Amino acid sequence: MVTDDLLKEFKDRMHISHSGEDSNLKQLLSYSISSIKGNCGEFNIAGESDIDVRARELVFERTRYAYNEALEYFENNFLSEINSLGIDIALLEEGEEDATF
């Protein structure tokens, strides 16, 4: 779910001051959240953990690429960050599973 706070944070980062594109930006953010979760695993987009902050950064970068119609370059340019985040999320999930036994 894309909140108004998340939208504002993205717009501030992109220096977008008008509201004419808000619904499009929310849709792009939503698609980016789904994409990063699909590639890396679950995270809390509003969270403050290291994983959540790194995931939010990737969501913003992917949304920036989509907004600028350059999405085809995103994965190659951020492959290291995507892989690193995915590994860290998998290790965290594995650690949580081990803790329940």
PDB file of N, CA and C in Angstrom:
ATOM      1  N   MET A   1       0.840  -1.186   0.000  1.00  0.00           N
ATOM      2  CA  MET A   1       0.000   0.000   0.000  1.00  0.00           C
ATOM      3  C   MET A   1       0.882   1.245   0.000  1.00  0.00           C
ATOM      4  N   VAL A   2       0.627   2.117  -0.918  1.00  0.00           N
ATOM      5  CA  VAL A   2       1.403   3.350  -1.028  1.00  0.00           C
ATOM      6  C   VAL A   2       0.692   4.438  -0.226  1.00  0.00           C
ATOM      7  N   THR A   3       1.331   4.871   0.841  1.00  0.00           N
ATOM      8  CA  THR A   3       0.755   5.903   1.695  1.00  0.00           C
ATOM      9  C   THR A   3       1.098   7.290   1.154  1.00  0.00           C
ATOM     10  N   ASP A   4       0.388   8.282   1.667  1.00  0.00           N
ATOM     11  CA  ASP A   4       0.683   9.664   1.286  1.00  0.00           C
ATOM     12  C   ASP A   4       2.086  10.068   1.738  1.00  0.00           C
ATOM     13  N   ASP A   5       2.532   9.537   2.890  1.00  0.00           N
ATOM     14  CA  ASP A   5       3.883   9.843   3.372  1.00  0.00           C
ATOM     15  C   ASP A   5       4.947   9.300   2.427  1.00  0.00           C
ATOM     16  N   LEU A   6       4.736   8.072   1.949  1.00  0.00           N
ATOM     17  CA  LEU A   6       5.687   7.479   1.006  1.00  0.00           C
ATOM     18  C   LEU A   6       5.709   8.276  -0.297  1.00  0.00           C
ATOM     19  N   LEU A   7       4.538   8.644  -0.776  1.00  0.00           N
ATOM     20  CA  LEU A   7       4.445   9.456  -1.989  1.00  0.00           C
ATOM     21  C   LEU A   7       5.171  10.783  -1.801  1.00  0.00           C
ATOM     22  N   LYS A   8       4.960  11.437  -0.658  1.00  0.00           N
ATOM     23  CA  LYS A   8       5.616  12.724  -0.386  1.00  0.00           C
ATOM     24  C   LYS A   8       7.132  12.562  -0.350  1.00  0.00           C
ATOM     25  N   GLU A   9       7.600  11.496   0.306  1.00  0.00           N
ATOM     26  CA  GLU A   9       9.044  11.258   0.378  1.00  0.00           C
ATOM     27  C   GLU A   9       9.638  11.090  -1.026  1.00  0.00           C
ATOM     28  N   PHE A  10       8.938  10.343  -1.875  1.00  0.00           N
ATOM     29  CA  PHE A  10       9.418  10.154  -3.244  1.00  0.00           C
ATOM     30  C   PHE A  10       9.382  11.471  -4.025  1.00  0.00           C
ATOM     31  N   LYS A  11       8.290  12.210  -3.909  1.00  0.00           N
ATOM     32  CA  LYS A  11       8.174  13.480  -4.633  1.00  0.00           C
ATOM     33  C   LYS A  11       9.236  14.473  -4.174  1.00  0.00           C
ATOM     34  N   ASP A  12       9.509  14.521  -2.867  1.00  0.00           N
ATOM     35  CA  ASP A  12      10.560  15.408  -2.359  1.00  0.00           C
ATOM     36  C   ASP A  12      11.912  15.024  -2.951  1.00  0.00           C
ATOM     37  N   ARG A  13      12.171  13.754  -2.994  1.00  0.00           N
ATOM     38  CA  ARG A  13      13.431  13.259  -3.547  1.00  0.00           C
ATOM     39  C   ARG A  13      13.578  13.625  -5.027  1.00  0.00           C
ATOM     40  N   MET A  14      12.474  13.556  -5.752  1.00  0.00           N
ATOM     41  CA  MET A  14      12.482  13.825  -7.191  1.00  0.00           C
ATOM     42  C   MET A  14      12.247  15.304  -7.515  1.00  0.00           C
ATOM     43  N   HIS A  15      12.046  16.118  -6.490  1.00  0.00           N
ATOM     44  CA  HIS A  15      11.773  17.548  -6.669  1.00  0.00           C
ATOM     45  C   HIS A  15      10.512  17.771  -7.502  1.00  0.00           C
ATOM     46  N   ILE A  16       9.478  16.988  -7.205  1.00  0.00           N
ATOM     47  CA  ILE A  16       8.177  17.136  -7.865  1.00  0.00           C
ATOM     48  C   ILE A  16       7.266  17.854  -6.880  1.00  0.00           C
ATOM     49  N   SER A  17       6.827  19.047  -7.232  1.00  0.00           N
ATOM     50  CA  SER A  17       6.034  19.840  -6.292  1.00  0.00           C
ATOM     51  C   SER A  17       4.546  19.865  -6.621  1.00  0.00           C
ATOM     52  N   HIS A  18       4.168  19.494  -7.824  1.00  0.00           N
ATOM     53  CA  HIS A  18       2.757  19.524  -8.203  1.00  0.00           C
ATOM     54  C   HIS A  18       2.093  18.184  -7.866  1.00  0.00           C
ATOM     55  N   SER A  19       0.775  18.177  -7.864  1.00  0.00           N
ATOM     56  CA  SER A  19       0.049  16.949  -7.517  1.00  0.00           C
ATOM     57  C   SER A  19      -0.624  16.306  -8.727  1.00  0.00           C
ATOM     58  N   GLY A  20      -0.382  16.833  -9.901  1.00  0.00           N
ATOM     59  CA  GLY A  20      -1.032  16.325 -11.105  1.00  0.00           C
ATOM     60  C   GLY A  20      -0.675  14.892 -11.456  1.00  0.00           C
ATOM     61  N   GLU A  21       0.470  14.421 -10.990  1.00  0.00           N
ATOM     62  CA  GLU A  21       0.908  13.065 -11.315  1.00  0.00           C
ATOM     63  C   GLU A  21       0.796  12.100 -10.137  1.00  0.00           C
ATOM     64  N   ASP A  22       0.131  12.509  -9.076  1.00  0.00           N
ATOM     65  CA  ASP A  22       0.100  11.691  -7.867  1.00  0.00           C
ATOM     66  C   ASP A  22      -0.421  10.278  -8.106  1.00  0.00           C
ATOM     67  N   SER A  23      -1.498  10.132  -8.850  1.00  0.00           N
ATOM     68  CA  SER A  23      -2.045   8.780  -9.050  1.00  0.00           C
ATOM     69  C   SER A  23      -1.077   7.933  -9.873  1.00  0.00           C
ATOM     70  N   ASN A  24      -0.432   8.508 -10.865  1.00  0.00           N
ATOM     71  CA  ASN A  24       0.569   7.779 -11.651  1.00  0.00           C
ATOM     72  C   ASN A  24       1.764   7.401 -10.787  1.00  0.00           C
ATOM     73  N   LEU A  25       2.233   8.324  -9.955  1.00  0.00           N
ATOM     74  CA  LEU A  25       3.371   8.038  -9.086  1.00  0.00           C
ATOM     75  C   LEU A  25       3.032   6.945  -8.078  1.00  0.00           C
ATOM     76  N   LYS A  26       1.825   6.980  -7.530  1.00  0.00           N
ATOM     77  CA  LYS A  26       1.407   5.927  -6.600  1.00  0.00           C
ATOM     78  C   LYS A  26       1.394   4.570  -7.293  1.00  0.00           C
ATOM     79  N   GLN A  27       0.929   4.548  -8.522  1.00  0.00           N
ATOM     80  CA  GLN A  27       0.902   3.297  -9.278  1.00  0.00           C
ATOM     81  C   GLN A  27       2.325   2.803  -9.547  1.00  0.00           C
ATOM     82  N   LEU A  28       3.213   3.691  -9.947  1.00  0.00           N
ATOM     83  CA  LEU A  28       4.602   3.309 -10.188  1.00  0.00           C
ATOM     84  C   LEU A  28       5.269   2.808  -8.910  1.00  0.00           C
ATOM     85  N   LEU A  29       5.006   3.483  -7.794  1.00  0.00           N
ATOM     86  CA  LEU A  29       5.553   3.032  -6.514  1.00  0.00           C
ATOM     87  C   LEU A  29       5.017   1.651  -6.149  1.00  0.00           C
ATOM     88  N   SER A  30       3.732   1.445  -6.365  1.00  0.00           N
ATOM     89  CA  SER A  30       3.118   0.151  -6.070  1.00  0.00           C
ATOM     90  C   SER A  30       3.744  -0.960  -6.904  1.00  0.00           C
ATOM     91  N   TYR A  31       3.927  -0.710  -8.196  1.00  0.00           N
ATOM     92  CA  TYR A  31       4.572  -1.695  -9.072  1.00  0.00           C
ATOM     93  C   TYR A  31       6.004  -1.974  -8.615  1.00  0.00           C
ATOM     94  N   SER A  32       6.698  -0.940  -8.193  1.00  0.00           N
ATOM     95  CA  SER A  32       8.080  -1.112  -7.758  1.00  0.00           C
ATOM     96  C   SER A  32       8.165  -1.905  -6.463  1.00  0.00           C
ATOM     97  N   ILE A  33       7.249  -1.655  -5.538  1.00  0.00           N
ATOM     98  CA  ILE A  33       7.217  -2.438  -4.299  1.00  0.00           C
ATOM     99  C   ILE A  33       7.019  -3.913  -4.633  1.00  0.00           C
ATOM    100  N   SER A  34       6.064  -4.207  -5.497  1.00  0.00           N
ATOM    101  CA  SER A  34       5.803  -5.596  -5.893  1.00  0.00           C
ATOM    102  C   SER A  34       7.020  -6.217  -6.565  1.00  0.00           C
ATOM    103  N   SER A  35       7.671  -5.475  -7.425  1.00  0.00           N
ATOM    104  CA  SER A  35       8.838  -5.988  -8.135  1.00  0.00           C
ATOM    105  C   SER A  35       9.990  -6.296  -7.184  1.00  0.00           C
ATOM    106  N   ILE A  36      10.291  -5.372  -6.282  1.00  0.00           N
ATOM    107  CA  ILE A  36      11.404  -5.586  -5.353  1.00  0.00           C
ATOM    108  C   ILE A  36      11.075  -6.724  -4.394  1.00  0.00           C
ATOM    109  N   LYS A  37       9.839  -6.816  -3.934  1.00  0.00           N
ATOM    110  CA  LYS A  37       9.453  -7.951  -3.086  1.00  0.00           C
ATOM    111  C   LYS A  37       9.580  -9.260  -3.851  1.00  0.00           C
ATOM    112  N   GLY A  38       9.207  -9.261  -5.113  1.00  0.00           N
ATOM    113  CA  GLY A  38       9.324 -10.462  -5.928  1.00  0.00           C
ATOM    114  C   GLY A  38      10.767 -10.885  -6.143  1.00  0.00           C
ATOM    115  N   ASN A  39      11.655  -9.921  -6.293  1.00  0.00           N
ATOM    116  CA  ASN A  39      13.072 -10.221  -6.520  1.00  0.00           C
ATOM    117  C   ASN A  39      13.844 -10.505  -5.242  1.00  0.00           C
ATOM    118  N   CYS A  40      13.448  -9.872  -4.146  1.00  0.00           N
ATOM    119  CA  CYS A  40      14.270  -9.914  -2.935  1.00  0.00           C
ATOM    120  C   CYS A  40      13.609 -10.601  -1.744  1.00  0.00           C
ATOM    121  N   GLY A  41      12.303 -10.509  -1.625  1.00  0.00           N
ATOM    122  CA  GLY A  41      11.608 -11.049  -0.463  1.00  0.00           C
ATOM    123  C   GLY A  41      10.825  -9.961   0.251  1.00  0.00           C
ATOM    124  N   GLU A  42      10.208 -10.345   1.346  1.00  0.00           N
ATOM    125  CA  GLU A  42       9.326  -9.440   2.086  1.00  0.00           C
ATOM    126  C   GLU A  42      10.107  -8.393   2.876  1.00  0.00           C
ATOM    127  N   PHE A  43       9.547  -7.199   2.932  1.00  0.00           N
ATOM    128  CA  PHE A  43      10.074  -6.099   3.730  1.00  0.00           C
ATOM    129  C   PHE A  43       8.921  -5.166   4.056  1.00  0.00           C
ATOM    130  N   ASN A  44       9.162  -4.257   4.987  1.00  0.00           N
ATOM    131  CA  ASN A  44       8.170  -3.256   5.372  1.00  0.00           C
ATOM    132  C   ASN A  44       8.594  -1.927   4.751  1.00  0.00           C
ATOM    133  N   ILE A  45       7.845  -1.467   3.772  1.00  0.00           N
ATOM    134  CA  ILE A  45       8.217  -0.252   3.044  1.00  0.00           C
ATOM    135  C   ILE A  45       8.296   0.965   3.964  1.00  0.00           C
ATOM    136  N   ALA A  46       7.574   0.949   5.079  1.00  0.00           N
ATOM    137  CA  ALA A  46       7.599   2.074   6.015  1.00  0.00           C
ATOM    138  C   ALA A  46       8.520   1.806   7.201  1.00  0.00           C
ATOM    139  N   GLY A  47       9.173   0.645   7.204  1.00  0.00           N
ATOM    140  CA  GLY A  47      10.014   0.260   8.331  1.00  0.00           C
ATOM    141  C   GLY A  47      11.318   1.032   8.389  1.00  0.00           C
ATOM    142  N   GLU A  48      12.012   0.885   9.512  1.00  0.00           N
ATOM    143  CA  GLU A  48      13.270   1.602   9.720  1.00  0.00           C
ATOM    144  C   GLU A  48      14.460   0.671   9.899  1.00  0.00           C
ATOM    145  N   SER A  49      14.255  -0.647   9.761  1.00  0.00           N
ATOM    146  CA  SER A  49      15.395  -1.561   9.862  1.00  0.00           C
ATOM    147  C   SER A  49      16.302  -1.350   8.656  1.00  0.00           C
ATOM    148  N   ASP A  50      17.523  -1.859   8.748  1.00  0.00           N
ATOM    149  CA  ASP A  50      18.470  -1.744   7.641  1.00  0.00           C
ATOM    150  C   ASP A  50      17.881  -2.319   6.358  1.00  0.00           C
ATOM    151  N   ILE A  51      17.265  -3.479   6.459  1.00  0.00           N
ATOM    152  CA  ILE A  51      16.671  -4.122   5.281  1.00  0.00           C
ATOM    153  C   ILE A  51      15.554  -3.262   4.703  1.00  0.00           C
ATOM    154  N   ASP A  52      14.689  -2.736   5.556  1.00  0.00           N
ATOM    155  CA  ASP A  52      13.569  -1.913   5.086  1.00  0.00           C
ATOM    156  C   ASP A  52      14.055  -0.635   4.397  1.00  0.00           C
ATOM    157  N   VAL A  53      15.064  -0.011   4.954  1.00  0.00           N
ATOM    158  CA  VAL A  53      15.608   1.226   4.368  1.00  0.00           C
ATOM    159  C   VAL A  53      16.251   0.933   3.014  1.00  0.00           C
ATOM    160  N   ARG A  54      17.007  -0.149   2.930  1.00  0.00           N
ATOM    161  CA  ARG A  54      17.633  -0.526   1.655  1.00  0.00           C
ATOM    162  C   ARG A  54      16.583  -0.890   0.615  1.00  0.00           C
ATOM    163  N   ALA A  55      15.539  -1.583   1.045  1.00  0.00           N
ATOM    164  CA  ALA A  55      14.460  -1.948   0.117  1.00  0.00           C
ATOM    165  C   ALA A  55      13.736  -0.700  -0.369  1.00  0.00           C
ATOM    166  N   ARG A  56      13.463   0.240   0.539  1.00  0.00           N
ATOM    167  CA  ARG A  56      12.789   1.481   0.147  1.00  0.00           C
ATOM    168  C   ARG A  56      13.645   2.258  -0.863  1.00  0.00           C
ATOM    169  N   GLU A  57      14.950   2.263  -0.642  1.00  0.00           N
ATOM    170  CA  GLU A  57      15.863   2.917  -1.586  1.00  0.00           C
ATOM    171  C   GLU A  57      15.745   2.285  -2.973  1.00  0.00           C
ATOM    172  N   LEU A  58      15.715   0.958  -3.040  1.00  0.00           N
ATOM    173  CA  LEU A  58      15.561   0.282  -4.334  1.00  0.00           C
ATOM    174  C   LEU A  58      14.202   0.574  -4.957  1.00  0.00           C
ATOM    175  N   VAL A  59      13.163   0.631  -4.138  1.00  0.00           N
ATOM    176  CA  VAL A  59      11.828   0.968  -4.653  1.00  0.00           C
ATOM    177  C   VAL A  59      11.849   2.364  -5.266  1.00  0.00           C
ATOM    178  N   PHE A  60      12.455   3.313  -4.577  1.00  0.00           N
ATOM    179  CA  PHE A  60      12.527   4.677  -5.104  1.00  0.00           C
ATOM    180  C   PHE A  60      13.346   4.731  -6.394  1.00  0.00           C
ATOM    181  N   GLU A  61      14.457   4.022  -6.421  1.00  0.00           N
ATOM    182  CA  GLU A  61      15.285   4.030  -7.631  1.00  0.00           C
ATOM    183  C   GLU A  61      14.549   3.388  -8.798  1.00  0.00           C
ATOM    184  N   ARG A  62      13.866   2.258  -8.556  1.00  0.00           N
ATOM    185  CA  ARG A  62      13.121   1.604  -9.630  1.00  0.00           C
ATOM    186  C   ARG A  62      12.003   2.520 -10.123  1.00  0.00           C
ATOM    187  N   THR A  63      11.341   3.195  -9.191  1.00  0.00           N
ATOM    188  CA  THR A  63      10.265   4.114  -9.563  1.00  0.00           C
ATOM    189  C   THR A  63      10.815   5.287 -10.369  1.00  0.00           C
ATOM    190  N   ARG A  64      11.985   5.767  -9.993  1.00  0.00           N
ATOM    191  CA  ARG A  64      12.631   6.856 -10.746  1.00  0.00           C
ATOM    192  C   ARG A  64      12.918   6.411 -12.178  1.00  0.00           C
ATOM    193  N   TYR A  65      13.440   5.218 -12.325  1.00  0.00           N
ATOM    194  CA  TYR A  65      13.710   4.697 -13.669  1.00  0.00           C
ATOM    195  C   TYR A  65      12.414   4.555 -14.462  1.00  0.00           C
ATOM    196  N   ALA A  66      11.364   4.028 -13.820  1.00  0.00           N
ATOM    197  CA  ALA A  66      10.077   3.868 -14.505  1.00  0.00           C
ATOM    198  C   ALA A  66       9.508   5.233 -14.894  1.00  0.00           C
ATOM    199  N   TYR A  67       9.587   6.204 -13.998  1.00  0.00           N
ATOM    200  CA  TYR A  67       9.081   7.550 -14.253  1.00  0.00           C
ATOM    201  C   TYR A  67       9.788   8.185 -15.450  1.00  0.00           C
ATOM    202  N   ASN A  68      11.077   7.917 -15.561  1.00  0.00           N
ATOM    203  CA  ASN A  68      11.877   8.486 -16.652  1.00  0.00           C
ATOM    204  C   ASN A  68      11.941   7.576 -17.877  1.00  0.00           C
ATOM    205  N   GLU A  69      11.068   6.582 -17.913  1.00  0.00           N
ATOM    206  CA  GLU A  69      10.956   5.655 -19.043  1.00  0.00           C
ATOM    207  C   GLU A  69      12.288   4.997 -19.390  1.00  0.00           C
ATOM    208  N   ALA A  70      12.997   4.559 -18.342  1.00  0.00           N
ATOM    209  CA  ALA A  70      14.285   3.887 -18.524  1.00  0.00           C
ATOM    210  C   ALA A  70      14.341   2.598 -17.705  1.00  0.00           C
ATOM    211  N   LEU A  71      13.188   2.003 -17.465  1.00  0.00           N
ATOM    212  CA  LEU A  71      13.103   0.842 -16.587  1.00  0.00           C
ATOM    213  C   LEU A  71      13.973  -0.323 -17.051  1.00  0.00           C
ATOM    214  N   GLU A  72      14.181  -0.433 -18.345  1.00  0.00           N
ATOM    215  CA  GLU A  72      14.978  -1.551 -18.866  1.00  0.00           C
ATOM    216  C   GLU A  72      16.426  -1.519 -18.371  1.00  0.00           C
ATOM    217  N   TYR A  73      16.888  -0.399 -17.835  1.00  0.00           N
ATOM    218  CA  TYR A  73      18.256  -0.275 -17.332  1.00  0.00           C
ATOM    219  C   TYR A  73      18.367  -0.517 -15.829  1.00  0.00           C
ATOM    220  N   PHE A  74      17.247  -0.550 -15.131  1.00  0.00           N
ATOM    221  CA  PHE A  74      17.279  -0.615 -13.672  1.00  0.00           C
ATOM    222  C   PHE A  74      17.994  -1.860 -13.151  1.00  0.00           C
ATOM    223  N   GLU A  75      17.562  -3.041 -13.582  1.00  0.00           N
ATOM    224  CA  GLU A  75      18.124  -4.269 -13.005  1.00  0.00           C
ATOM    225  C   GLU A  75      19.623  -4.379 -13.232  1.00  0.00           C
ATOM    226  N   ASN A  76      20.106  -4.058 -14.415  1.00  0.00           N
ATOM    227  CA  ASN A  76      21.553  -4.120 -14.661  1.00  0.00           C
ATOM    228  C   ASN A  76      22.314  -3.128 -13.794  1.00  0.00           C
ATOM    229  N   ASN A  77      21.772  -1.938 -13.623  1.00  0.00           N
ATOM    230  CA  ASN A  77      22.459  -0.905 -12.850  1.00  0.00           C
ATOM    231  C   ASN A  77      22.416  -1.151 -11.344  1.00  0.00           C
ATOM    232  N   PHE A  78      21.437  -1.913 -10.871  1.00  0.00           N
ATOM    233  CA  PHE A  78      21.283  -2.143  -9.436  1.00  0.00           C
ATOM    234  C   PHE A  78      21.360  -3.622  -9.067  1.00  0.00           C
ATOM    235  N   LEU A  79      21.927  -4.439  -9.941  1.00  0.00           N
ATOM    236  CA  LEU A  79      21.969  -5.881  -9.718  1.00  0.00           C
ATOM    237  C   LEU A  79      22.665  -6.245  -8.411  1.00  0.00           C
ATOM    238  N   SER A  80      23.756  -5.600  -8.112  1.00  0.00           N
ATOM    239  CA  SER A  80      24.492  -5.879  -6.880  1.00  0.00           C
ATOM    240  C   SER A  80      23.631  -5.597  -5.649  1.00  0.00           C
ATOM    241  N   GLU A  81      22.945  -4.451  -5.641  1.00  0.00           N
ATOM    242  CA  GLU A  81      22.095  -4.090  -4.510  1.00  0.00           C
ATOM    243  C   GLU A  81      20.897  -5.029  -4.389  1.00  0.00           C
ATOM    244  N   ILE A  82      20.310  -5.407  -5.524  1.00  0.00           N
ATOM    245  CA  ILE A  82      19.165  -6.328  -5.526  1.00  0.00           C
ATOM    246  C   ILE A  82      19.593  -7.677  -4.960  1.00  0.00           C
ATOM    247  N   ASN A  83      20.717  -8.213  -5.443  1.00  0.00           N
ATOM    248  CA  ASN A  83      21.203  -9.507  -4.957  1.00  0.00           C
ATOM    249  C   ASN A  83      21.559  -9.460  -3.481  1.00  0.00           C
ATOM    250  N   SER A  84      22.233  -8.406  -3.070  1.00  0.00           N
ATOM    251  CA  SER A  84      22.632  -8.259  -1.673  1.00  0.00           C
ATOM    252  C   SER A  84      21.418  -8.206  -0.749  1.00  0.00           C
ATOM    253  N   LEU A  85      20.422  -7.425  -1.133  1.00  0.00           N
ATOM    254  CA  LEU A  85      19.212  -7.331  -0.323  1.00  0.00           C
ATOM    255  C   LEU A  85      18.494  -8.674  -0.272  1.00  0.00           C
ATOM    256  N   GLY A  86      18.386  -9.348  -1.406  1.00  0.00           N
ATOM    257  CA  GLY A  86      17.729 -10.646  -1.445  1.00  0.00           C
ATOM    258  C   GLY A  86      18.408 -11.665  -0.547  1.00  0.00           C
ATOM    259  N   ILE A  87      19.735 -11.682  -0.558  1.00  0.00           N
ATOM    260  CA  ILE A  87      20.485 -12.605   0.302  1.00  0.00           C
ATOM    261  C   ILE A  87      20.254 -12.268   1.765  1.00  0.00           C
ATOM    262  N   ASP A  88      20.318 -10.985   2.114  1.00  0.00           N
ATOM    263  CA  ASP A  88      20.122 -10.585   3.508  1.00  0.00           C
ATOM    264  C   ASP A  88      18.717 -10.910   4.002  1.00  0.00           C
ATOM    265  N   ILE A  89      17.715 -10.728   3.160  1.00  0.00           N
ATOM    266  CA  ILE A  89      16.342 -11.072   3.548  1.00  0.00           C
ATOM    267  C   ILE A  89      16.221 -12.580   3.734  1.00  0.00           C
ATOM    268  N   ALA A  90      16.809 -13.362   2.830  1.00  0.00           N
ATOM    269  CA  ALA A  90      16.756 -14.826   2.947  1.00  0.00           C
ATOM    270  C   ALA A  90      17.458 -15.295   4.216  1.00  0.00           C
ATOM    271  N   LEU A  91      18.608 -14.712   4.534  1.00  0.00           N
ATOM    272  CA  LEU A  91      19.324 -15.087   5.752  1.00  0.00           C
ATOM    273  C   LEU A  91      18.526 -14.717   6.995  1.00  0.00           C
ATOM    274  N   LEU A  92      17.885 -13.566   6.969  1.00  0.00           N
ATOM    275  CA  LEU A  92      17.056 -13.149   8.099  1.00  0.00           C
ATOM    276  C   LEU A  92      15.887 -14.105   8.286  1.00  0.00           C
ATOM    277  N   GLU A  93      15.219 -14.455   7.193  1.00  0.00           N
ATOM    278  CA  GLU A  93      14.090 -15.386   7.270  1.00  0.00           C
ATOM    279  C   GLU A  93      14.550 -16.753   7.757  1.00  0.00           C
ATOM    280  N   GLU A  94      15.709 -17.207   7.311  1.00  0.00           N
ATOM    281  CA  GLU A  94      16.248 -18.491   7.749  1.00  0.00           C
ATOM    282  C   GLU A  94      16.551 -18.455   9.240  1.00  0.00           C
ATOM    283  N   GLY A  95      17.104 -17.344   9.703  1.00  0.00           N
ATOM    284  CA  GLY A  95      17.390 -17.182  11.124  1.00  0.00           C
ATOM    285  C   GLY A  95      16.131 -17.188  11.967  1.00  0.00           C
ATOM    286  N   GLU A  96      15.060 -16.589  11.466  1.00  0.00           N
ATOM    287  CA  GLU A  96      13.787 -16.580  12.192  1.00  0.00           C
ATOM    288  C   GLU A  96      13.200 -17.978  12.260  1.00  0.00           C
ATOM    289  N   GLU A  97      13.331 -18.755  11.179  1.00  0.00           N
ATOM    290  CA  GLU A  97      12.831 -20.128  11.178  1.00  0.00           C
ATOM    291  C   GLU A  97      13.615 -20.980  12.160  1.00  0.00           C
ATOM    292  N   ASP A  98      14.936 -20.802  12.213  1.00  0.00           N
ATOM    293  CA  ASP A  98      15.764 -21.563  13.144  1.00  0.00           C
ATOM    294  C   ASP A  98      15.417 -21.235  14.586  1.00  0.00           C
ATOM    295  N   ALA A  99      15.027 -19.997  14.850  1.00  0.00           N
ATOM    296  CA  ALA A  99      14.700 -19.569  16.209  1.00  0.00           C
ATOM    297  C   ALA A  99      13.414 -20.200  16.719  1.00  0.00           C
ATOM    298  N   THR A 100      12.560 -20.686  15.823  1.00  0.00           N
ATOM    299  CA  THR A 100      11.287 -21.263  16.265  1.00  0.00           C
ATOM    300  C   THR A 100      11.407 -22.727  16.639  1.00  0.00           C
ATOM    301  N   PHE A 101      12.545 -23.352  16.378  1.00  0.00           N
ATOM    302  CA  PHE A 101      12.708 -24.777  16.703  1.00  0.00           C
ATOM    303  C   PHE A 101      13.327 -24.968  18.052  1.00  0.00           C
TER     304      PHE A 101
END
